[in-house]
Amino acid sequence: MSRRHLPLRRSLPAALAVLAVLTGTAAAAPAPAPPTAAAGPFASLDDTYYQDAVGKTGTALKSSLHTIISDQSKLTYSQVWDALKDTDEDPANSSNVIELYTGRSEPKSNNGGSVGQWNREHVWAKSHGDFGTATGPGTDIHHLRPSDVQVNSTRGNKDFDNGGSAVSGAPGNYTDGDSFEPRDAVKGDVARMILYMAVRYEGGDSFADLEPNDSVSNGSAPHIGRLSVLKTWSEQDPPDSFEKRRNDVIFDQYQHNRNPFIDHPEWVDAIW
């Protein structure tokens, strides 16, 4: 209802009260009705998609979310190329994608394995669970992002942590012998992707049980760290419009499942 109608609605109780006094049939005007809850995408998701998880914490919440998000469509590794061109599209230039670590806008067509191109970065490194590029965790676009080829190589399979030396060609990123620190604008994105993987892949589907820990020397174990740092990153860098849109595109057009920590960042602490 437009603002010009609001004064008329506010005057109605007063008019009723005057009428009651004049007629002697009532002592007071009726109290206004309490406000209803605002409708919105999160309310709808909690009533439908997340209804079995709402109100739970700890292992019960993690188990419920695992059941919910495991109901998904799966892509092949070659299909990931086209999916990322949609999920990571530059909002200012529909012909480009935004690279995860550099933040640069690059032509969608400039994908491949050569210097200066972008490729498919597994945020949960493939070797941390030995899943390669097989359909499943190796092709789950909730943790696959466009990345500059050279920066992707620099990150390699390192765990995530603070500190190190500046990464060439990627201002704001740092690395040392066993860890990688992404730029501030995507620290939360990285954390929520890692935690999504830990909930989605629990040892079924013939894949390893992926779990975060507080180490930065996990090697090829199905673990990745550092959990305490990832939790801090998620809190300091809450979901932005780019990350939320990405979640929606994956849900609507590709895998038909969601990253619950984008919709409910508070569930990070509720589980870990």
Protein backbone atom coordinates (compact mmCIF):
# COMPACT_ATOMS: atom_id res chain seq x y z
CA MET A 1 0.00 0.00 0.00
CA SER A 2 1.33 3.42 -0.87
CA ARG A 3 2.25 6.00 1.72
CA ARG A 4 -0.58 8.35 0.73
CA HIS A 5 -3.10 5.82 2.11
CA LEU A 6 -1.44 5.37 5.49
CA PRO A 7 -2.99 8.45 7.23
CA LEU A 8 -6.46 7.20 6.32
CA ARG A 9 -5.76 3.80 7.88
CA ARG A 10 -4.35 5.35 11.03
CA SER A 11 -7.47 7.55 11.42
CA LEU A 12 -9.93 4.64 11.27
CA PRO A 13 -9.61 3.51 14.96
CA ALA A 14 -10.10 7.10 16.13
CA ALA A 15 -13.24 7.48 14.01
CA LEU A 16 -14.65 4.25 15.47
CA ALA A 17 -13.99 5.50 19.00
CA VAL A 18 -15.85 8.76 18.33
CA LEU A 19 -18.76 6.84 16.87
CA ALA A 20 -18.85 4.57 19.94
CA VAL A 21 -18.99 7.53 22.32
CA LEU A 22 -21.75 9.19 20.33
CA THR A 23 -23.88 6.06 20.23
CA GLY A 24 -23.02 4.85 23.72
CA THR A 25 -22.39 1.31 22.49
CA ALA A 26 -18.62 0.92 23.18
CA ALA A 27 -16.03 2.25 25.60
CA ALA A 28 -12.91 2.08 23.42
CA ALA A 29 -11.65 1.52 19.92
CA PRO A 30 -10.28 -1.94 19.03
CA ALA A 31 -6.55 -2.45 19.56
CA PRO A 32 -4.46 -2.58 16.36
CA ALA A 33 -3.51 -6.05 15.15
CA PRO A 34 0.06 -7.18 15.92
CA PRO A 35 2.48 -6.96 12.99
CA THR A 36 2.97 -10.13 10.98
CA ALA A 37 6.39 -11.59 10.26
CA ALA A 38 8.02 -10.20 7.17
CA ALA A 39 7.96 -12.51 4.20
CA GLY A 40 11.25 -13.16 2.43
CA PRO A 41 13.48 -15.80 0.90
CA PHE A 42 14.98 -16.91 4.22
CA ALA A 43 11.59 -17.33 5.87
CA SER A 44 10.46 -19.41 2.90
CA LEU A 45 13.60 -21.58 2.94
CA ASP A 46 13.27 -22.22 6.67
CA ASP A 47 9.68 -23.32 6.19
CA THR A 48 10.55 -25.62 3.30
CA TYR A 49 14.16 -26.44 2.43
CA TYR A 50 15.60 -26.20 5.96
CA GLN A 51 12.52 -27.19 7.94
CA ASP A 52 14.14 -30.36 9.33
CA ALA A 53 17.24 -28.47 10.49
CA VAL A 54 15.79 -25.35 12.09
CA GLY A 55 16.16 -25.35 15.87
CA LYS A 56 18.91 -27.97 16.01
CA THR A 57 22.57 -27.60 16.99
CA GLY A 58 25.75 -29.65 17.03
CA THR A 59 25.80 -33.10 15.48
CA ALA A 60 22.02 -33.13 15.08
CA LEU A 61 22.17 -29.97 12.96
CA LYS A 62 25.08 -31.27 10.91
CA SER A 63 23.30 -34.56 10.26
CA SER A 64 20.08 -32.84 9.20
CA LEU A 65 21.92 -30.48 6.87
CA HIS A 66 23.85 -33.39 5.36
CA THR A 67 20.59 -35.12 4.49
CA ILE A 68 19.13 -31.94 3.03
CA ILE A 69 22.05 -30.85 0.84
CA SER A 70 22.92 -34.37 -0.34
CA ASP A 71 19.79 -34.28 -2.48
CA GLN A 72 21.42 -32.70 -5.52
CA SER A 73 22.04 -32.97 -9.24
CA LYS A 74 25.64 -33.69 -10.22
CA LEU A 75 27.79 -32.21 -12.98
CA THR A 76 30.62 -33.67 -14.99
CA TYR A 77 33.96 -31.92 -14.80
CA SER A 78 33.57 -30.57 -18.33
CA GLN A 79 30.16 -29.10 -17.43
CA VAL A 80 31.81 -27.15 -14.61
CA TRP A 81 33.34 -24.73 -17.16
CA ASP A 82 29.95 -23.47 -18.33
CA ALA A 83 28.47 -23.53 -14.82
CA LEU A 84 31.18 -21.24 -13.45
CA LYS A 85 30.54 -18.79 -16.26
CA ASP A 86 27.06 -18.35 -14.76
CA THR A 87 27.75 -18.66 -11.05
CA ASP A 88 30.72 -16.29 -11.03
CA GLU A 89 29.60 -13.83 -13.68
CA ASP A 90 30.84 -10.28 -13.21
CA PRO A 91 27.74 -8.24 -12.21
CA ALA A 92 29.21 -5.27 -14.09
CA ASN A 93 30.09 -7.20 -17.26
CA SER A 94 28.08 -10.25 -18.29
CA SER A 95 30.86 -11.35 -20.66
CA ASN A 96 33.30 -11.85 -17.77
CA VAL A 97 33.80 -13.87 -14.61
CA ILE A 98 35.36 -12.72 -11.33
CA GLU A 99 38.42 -14.68 -10.26
CA LEU A 100 38.32 -15.83 -6.64
CA TYR A 101 41.76 -14.88 -5.38
CA THR A 102 42.72 -11.95 -7.61
CA GLY A 103 39.25 -10.40 -7.80
CA ARG A 104 39.97 -9.58 -11.44
CA SER A 105 37.26 -9.57 -14.10
CA GLU A 106 38.31 -11.89 -16.93
CA PRO A 107 36.56 -12.84 -20.19
CA LYS A 108 34.54 -16.01 -19.83
CA SER A 109 36.16 -17.27 -23.03
CA ASN A 110 39.67 -16.94 -21.57
CA ASN A 111 39.52 -20.22 -19.68
CA GLY A 112 42.06 -23.00 -19.88
CA GLY A 113 45.41 -23.98 -18.48
CA SER A 114 47.79 -21.37 -19.90
CA VAL A 115 49.41 -18.42 -18.16
CA GLY A 116 46.97 -15.50 -18.02
CA GLN A 117 43.89 -17.72 -18.25
CA TRP A 118 41.48 -18.79 -15.54
CA ASN A 119 40.84 -22.38 -14.54
CA ARG A 120 38.78 -24.39 -12.05
CA GLU A 121 40.05 -24.03 -8.50
CA HIS A 122 39.07 -26.71 -5.99
CA VAL A 123 38.85 -24.69 -2.77
CA TRP A 124 38.81 -27.98 -0.86
CA ALA A 125 41.98 -29.27 -2.51
CA LYS A 126 41.47 -32.52 -4.44
CA SER A 127 44.30 -34.31 -2.65
CA HIS A 128 42.64 -33.70 0.73
CA GLY A 129 40.41 -36.72 0.31
CA ASP A 130 41.83 -38.05 -2.96
CA PHE A 131 38.66 -37.39 -4.95
CA GLY A 132 40.28 -35.94 -8.06
CA THR A 133 37.83 -34.64 -10.65
CA ALA A 134 35.39 -37.53 -10.40
CA THR A 135 31.72 -36.58 -10.39
CA GLY A 136 30.92 -35.77 -6.77
CA PRO A 137 33.21 -33.62 -4.60
CA GLY A 138 35.52 -33.16 -7.58
CA THR A 139 32.77 -31.45 -9.56
CA ASP A 140 30.72 -29.82 -6.79
CA ILE A 141 30.49 -26.19 -7.85
CA HIS A 142 29.76 -25.02 -4.32
CA HIS A 143 33.56 -25.16 -3.84
CA LEU A 144 34.80 -24.73 -7.42
CA ARG A 145 35.66 -21.17 -8.42
CA PRO A 146 37.40 -19.42 -11.33
CA SER A 147 41.04 -18.75 -10.45
CA ASP A 148 44.05 -17.33 -12.25
CA VAL A 149 46.13 -20.30 -13.44
CA GLN A 150 49.34 -19.14 -11.76
CA VAL A 151 47.67 -18.18 -8.49
CA ASN A 152 45.87 -21.52 -8.46
CA SER A 153 49.26 -23.21 -8.81
CA THR A 154 50.66 -21.12 -5.96
CA ARG A 155 47.83 -22.13 -3.67
CA GLY A 156 48.23 -25.78 -4.71
CA ASN A 157 46.83 -28.06 -2.00
CA LYS A 158 47.82 -25.90 0.96
CA ASP A 159 45.61 -25.54 4.00
CA PHE A 160 44.18 -22.12 4.86
CA ASP A 161 45.70 -19.91 7.54
CA ASN A 162 46.86 -16.34 8.16
CA GLY A 163 50.30 -15.12 7.19
CA GLY A 164 53.10 -15.62 4.74
CA SER A 165 54.55 -13.64 1.86
CA ALA A 166 52.53 -11.68 -0.68
CA VAL A 167 51.37 -13.71 -3.67
CA SER A 168 52.63 -12.32 -6.96
CA GLY A 169 49.83 -11.04 -9.17
CA ALA A 170 47.21 -11.35 -6.44
CA PRO A 171 47.34 -8.40 -4.01
CA GLY A 172 45.98 -9.18 -0.57
CA ASN A 173 46.79 -12.90 -0.76
CA TYR A 174 49.63 -14.46 1.24
CA THR A 175 51.31 -17.85 1.35
CA ASP A 176 54.06 -19.81 3.05
CA GLY A 177 55.25 -23.39 2.94
CA ASP A 178 52.07 -24.97 4.29
CA SER A 179 49.21 -22.45 4.10
CA PHE A 180 47.43 -19.88 1.97
CA GLU A 181 45.59 -16.73 3.03
CA PRO A 182 43.05 -15.31 0.53
CA ARG A 183 42.21 -11.63 0.20
CA ASP A 184 39.89 -10.17 2.82
CA ALA A 185 36.88 -9.86 0.49
CA VAL A 186 36.62 -13.65 0.04
CA LYS A 187 37.89 -15.02 3.35
CA GLY A 188 34.34 -15.79 4.45
CA ASP A 189 33.51 -17.31 1.07
CA VAL A 190 36.45 -19.70 1.42
CA ALA A 191 35.46 -20.67 4.96
CA ARG A 192 31.83 -21.35 4.05
CA MET A 193 32.84 -23.43 1.01
CA ILE A 194 35.12 -25.57 3.17
CA LEU A 195 32.44 -26.08 5.81
CA TYR A 196 29.84 -26.91 3.15
CA MET A 197 32.12 -29.70 1.91
CA ALA A 198 32.54 -31.03 5.44
CA VAL A 199 28.78 -31.35 5.85
CA ARG A 200 28.01 -32.62 2.34
CA TYR A 201 30.64 -35.37 2.20
CA GLU A 202 30.42 -37.60 5.25
CA GLY A 203 31.90 -40.84 3.92
CA GLY A 204 29.01 -41.98 1.74
CA ASP A 205 28.80 -42.12 -2.07
CA SER A 206 32.15 -44.02 -2.03
CA PHE A 207 33.95 -40.76 -1.15
CA ALA A 208 36.02 -39.89 1.91
CA ASP A 209 34.59 -38.30 5.05
CA LEU A 210 35.82 -34.72 4.68
CA GLU A 211 36.40 -32.87 7.94
CA PRO A 212 38.10 -29.59 8.89
CA ASN A 213 40.68 -29.58 11.68
CA ASP A 214 43.04 -27.08 13.25
CA SER A 215 46.15 -28.26 11.40
CA VAL A 216 48.07 -26.89 8.41
CA SER A 217 49.94 -30.11 7.69
CA ASN A 218 47.17 -32.38 6.50
CA GLY A 219 48.86 -33.58 3.33
CA SER A 220 46.59 -36.06 1.54
CA ALA A 221 44.38 -36.81 4.57
CA PRO A 222 40.66 -36.05 4.09
CA HIS A 223 41.04 -33.00 6.35
CA ILE A 224 41.73 -29.33 5.82
CA GLY A 225 42.50 -26.47 8.18
CA ARG A 226 42.84 -24.28 10.01
CA LEU A 227 39.32 -24.55 11.47
CA SER A 228 39.73 -21.83 14.11
CA VAL A 229 40.89 -19.39 11.42
CA LEU A 230 38.12 -20.40 9.03
CA LYS A 231 35.52 -19.71 11.72
CA THR A 232 36.99 -16.26 12.31
CA TRP A 233 37.01 -15.53 8.58
CA SER A 234 33.36 -16.52 8.27
CA GLU A 235 32.43 -14.13 11.07
CA GLN A 236 34.56 -11.24 9.82
CA ASP A 237 33.45 -11.54 6.18
CA PRO A 238 29.69 -12.30 6.12
CA PRO A 239 27.95 -13.32 2.87
CA ASP A 240 27.70 -10.52 0.33
CA SER A 241 25.40 -10.12 -2.66
CA PHE A 242 27.81 -11.92 -5.02
CA GLU A 243 28.03 -14.97 -2.77
CA LYS A 244 24.26 -15.04 -2.16
CA ARG A 245 23.52 -14.79 -5.88
CA ARG A 246 25.98 -17.59 -6.55
CA ASN A 247 24.18 -19.81 -4.04
CA ASP A 248 20.85 -19.05 -5.71
CA VAL A 249 22.15 -19.81 -9.22
CA ILE A 250 23.56 -23.17 -8.12
CA PHE A 251 20.27 -24.00 -6.44
CA ASP A 252 17.99 -22.83 -9.23
CA GLN A 253 19.93 -23.87 -12.33
CA TYR A 254 22.53 -26.53 -11.57
CA GLN A 255 22.83 -28.70 -8.47
CA HIS A 256 19.53 -27.77 -6.80
CA ASN A 257 21.11 -27.77 -3.37
CA ARG A 258 22.35 -24.90 -1.24
CA ASN A 259 25.31 -23.93 0.93
CA PRO A 260 23.53 -23.60 4.29
CA PHE A 261 26.27 -21.41 5.77
CA ILE A 262 25.52 -18.69 3.24
CA ASP A 263 21.85 -18.71 4.20
CA HIS A 264 22.58 -19.18 7.93
CA PRO A 265 26.13 -18.05 8.85
CA GLU A 266 25.29 -18.57 12.52
CA TRP A 267 25.17 -22.32 11.90
CA VAL A 268 28.98 -22.34 11.71
CA ASP A 269 29.25 -21.81 15.46
CA ALA A 270 26.20 -23.99 16.07
CA ILE A 271 28.09 -26.99 14.64
CA TRP A 272 31.77 -26.20 15.34
